[in-house]
Amino acid sequence: MVLPDVKDRIMRDLDRLSPEQQRRAAELVGGLVSSLPQGASVEDLLKVAGTLDAESAREMMQAIEEGCERVDPDEW
């Protein structure tokens, strides 16, 4: 989601730049975007859906319950 005021400011500033400066600005923005973490696509998730066997699922649930659902009041 692009904030309208930010987009307007960027567009105004781009209009004032030379073509070469506009290319450099595009490269800068592209570099910022490419450094963002990428998540799995829906298609990637669908490829592995249903591949976890019942025993592995049980082991994962047990590990979560044992390691993640406890609060250690002395930890803080």
C-alpha atoms as a PDB file:
ATOM      1  CA  MET A   1       0.000   0.000   0.000  1.00  0.00           C
ATOM      2  CA  VAL A   2       1.413   3.358  -1.015  1.00  0.00           C
ATOM      3  CA  LEU A   3       0.642   6.334   1.146  1.00  0.00           C
ATOM      4  CA  PRO A   4      -0.979   8.916  -1.146  1.00  0.00           C
ATOM      5  CA  ASP A   5       1.057  11.854   0.140  1.00  0.00           C
ATOM      6  CA  VAL A   6       4.314   9.916  -0.222  1.00  0.00           C
ATOM      7  CA  LYS A   7       3.459   8.824  -3.753  1.00  0.00           C
ATOM      8  CA  ASP A   8       2.546  12.394  -4.739  1.00  0.00           C
ATOM      9  CA  ARG A   9       5.811  13.733  -3.346  1.00  0.00           C
ATOM     10  CA  ILE A  10       7.864  11.073  -5.126  1.00  0.00           C
ATOM     11  CA  MET A  11       6.090  11.708  -8.427  1.00  0.00           C
ATOM     12  CA  ARG A  12       6.658  15.473  -8.137  1.00  0.00           C
ATOM     13  CA  ASP A  13      10.325  14.911  -7.395  1.00  0.00           C
ATOM     14  CA  LEU A  14      10.721  12.424 -10.273  1.00  0.00           C
ATOM     15  CA  ASP A  15       9.352  15.000 -12.709  1.00  0.00           C
ATOM     16  CA  ARG A  16      12.216  17.302 -11.753  1.00  0.00           C
ATOM     17  CA  LEU A  17      14.952  14.713 -12.399  1.00  0.00           C
ATOM     18  CA  SER A  18      16.847  14.069 -15.606  1.00  0.00           C
ATOM     19  CA  PRO A  19      16.284  10.735 -17.368  1.00  0.00           C
ATOM     20  CA  GLU A  20      19.552   9.399 -15.945  1.00  0.00           C
ATOM     21  CA  GLN A  21      18.590  10.478 -12.422  1.00  0.00           C
ATOM     22  CA  GLN A  22      15.192   8.831 -12.879  1.00  0.00           C
ATOM     23  CA  ARG A  23      16.937   5.572 -13.820  1.00  0.00           C
ATOM     24  CA  ARG A  24      19.120   5.831 -10.716  1.00  0.00           C
ATOM     25  CA  ALA A  25      16.034   6.482  -8.574  1.00  0.00           C
ATOM     26  CA  ALA A  26      14.355   3.407 -10.067  1.00  0.00           C
ATOM     27  CA  GLU A  27      17.453   1.319  -9.270  1.00  0.00           C
ATOM     28  CA  LEU A  28      17.450   2.623  -5.700  1.00  0.00           C
ATOM     29  CA  VAL A  29      13.790   1.736  -5.204  1.00  0.00           C
ATOM     30  CA  GLY A  30      14.358  -1.648  -6.848  1.00  0.00           C
ATOM     31  CA  GLY A  31      17.230  -2.311  -4.438  1.00  0.00           C
ATOM     32  CA  LEU A  32      15.034  -1.464  -1.477  1.00  0.00           C
ATOM     33  CA  VAL A  33      12.307  -3.797  -2.696  1.00  0.00           C
ATOM     34  CA  SER A  34      14.631  -6.706  -3.470  1.00  0.00           C
ATOM     35  CA  SER A  35      16.060  -6.596   0.058  1.00  0.00           C
ATOM     36  CA  LEU A  36      12.625  -7.198   1.580  1.00  0.00           C
ATOM     37  CA  PRO A  37      11.989 -10.725   2.830  1.00  0.00           C
ATOM     38  CA  GLN A  38      10.031 -12.848   0.405  1.00  0.00           C
ATOM     39  CA  GLY A  39       7.385 -15.289   1.562  1.00  0.00           C
ATOM     40  CA  ALA A  40       6.192 -18.443  -0.102  1.00  0.00           C
ATOM     41  CA  SER A  41       3.586 -18.127  -2.803  1.00  0.00           C
ATOM     42  CA  VAL A  42       0.224 -19.850  -2.584  1.00  0.00           C
ATOM     43  CA  GLU A  43       1.372 -22.188  -5.332  1.00  0.00           C
ATOM     44  CA  ASP A  44       4.470 -23.152  -3.309  1.00  0.00           C
ATOM     45  CA  LEU A  45       2.354 -23.861  -0.249  1.00  0.00           C
ATOM     46  CA  LEU A  46      -0.107 -25.956  -2.229  1.00  0.00           C
ATOM     47  CA  LYS A  47       2.765 -28.135  -3.462  1.00  0.00           C
ATOM     48  CA  VAL A  48       3.539 -29.235   0.103  1.00  0.00           C
ATOM     49  CA  ALA A  49      -0.004 -29.268   1.467  1.00  0.00           C
ATOM     50  CA  GLY A  50      -0.847 -32.656   2.941  1.00  0.00           C
ATOM     51  CA  THR A  51       2.730 -33.989   2.877  1.00  0.00           C
ATOM     52  CA  LEU A  52       3.201 -34.000   6.661  1.00  0.00           C
ATOM     53  CA  ASP A  53       2.476 -37.433   8.097  1.00  0.00           C
ATOM     54  CA  ALA A  54       0.450 -37.816  11.312  1.00  0.00           C
ATOM     55  CA  GLU A  55       3.446 -38.851  13.449  1.00  0.00           C
ATOM     56  CA  SER A  56       5.525 -35.842  12.383  1.00  0.00           C
ATOM     57  CA  ALA A  57       2.568 -33.551  13.013  1.00  0.00           C
ATOM     58  CA  ARG A  58       2.126 -35.035  16.498  1.00  0.00           C
ATOM     59  CA  GLU A  59       5.836 -34.559  17.264  1.00  0.00           C
ATOM     60  CA  MET A  60       5.692 -30.942  16.115  1.00  0.00           C
ATOM     61  CA  MET A  61       2.615 -30.234  18.227  1.00  0.00           C
ATOM     62  CA  GLN A  62       4.286 -31.820  21.256  1.00  0.00           C
ATOM     63  CA  ALA A  63       7.447 -29.758  20.759  1.00  0.00           C
ATOM     64  CA  ILE A  64       5.377 -26.577  20.498  1.00  0.00           C
ATOM     65  CA  GLU A  65       3.400 -27.397  23.625  1.00  0.00           C
ATOM     66  CA  GLU A  66       6.540 -28.239  25.596  1.00  0.00           C
ATOM     67  CA  GLY A  67       8.721 -25.396  24.404  1.00  0.00           C
ATOM     68  CA  CYS A  68       6.448 -22.534  23.478  1.00  0.00           C
ATOM     69  CA  GLU A  69       3.451 -22.605  25.762  1.00  0.00           C
ATOM     70  CA  ARG A  70       5.312 -22.163  29.028  1.00  0.00           C
ATOM     71  CA  VAL A  71       5.910 -18.861  30.706  1.00  0.00           C
ATOM     72  CA  ASP A  72       8.969 -18.487  32.881  1.00  0.00           C
ATOM     73  CA  PRO A  73       8.204 -15.547  35.217  1.00  0.00           C
ATOM     74  CA  ASP A  74      11.867 -15.352  36.264  1.00  0.00           C
ATOM     75  CA  GLU A  75      13.058 -14.999  32.672  1.00  0.00           C
ATOM     76  CA  TRP A  76      12.293 -11.282  32.592  1.00  0.00           C
END
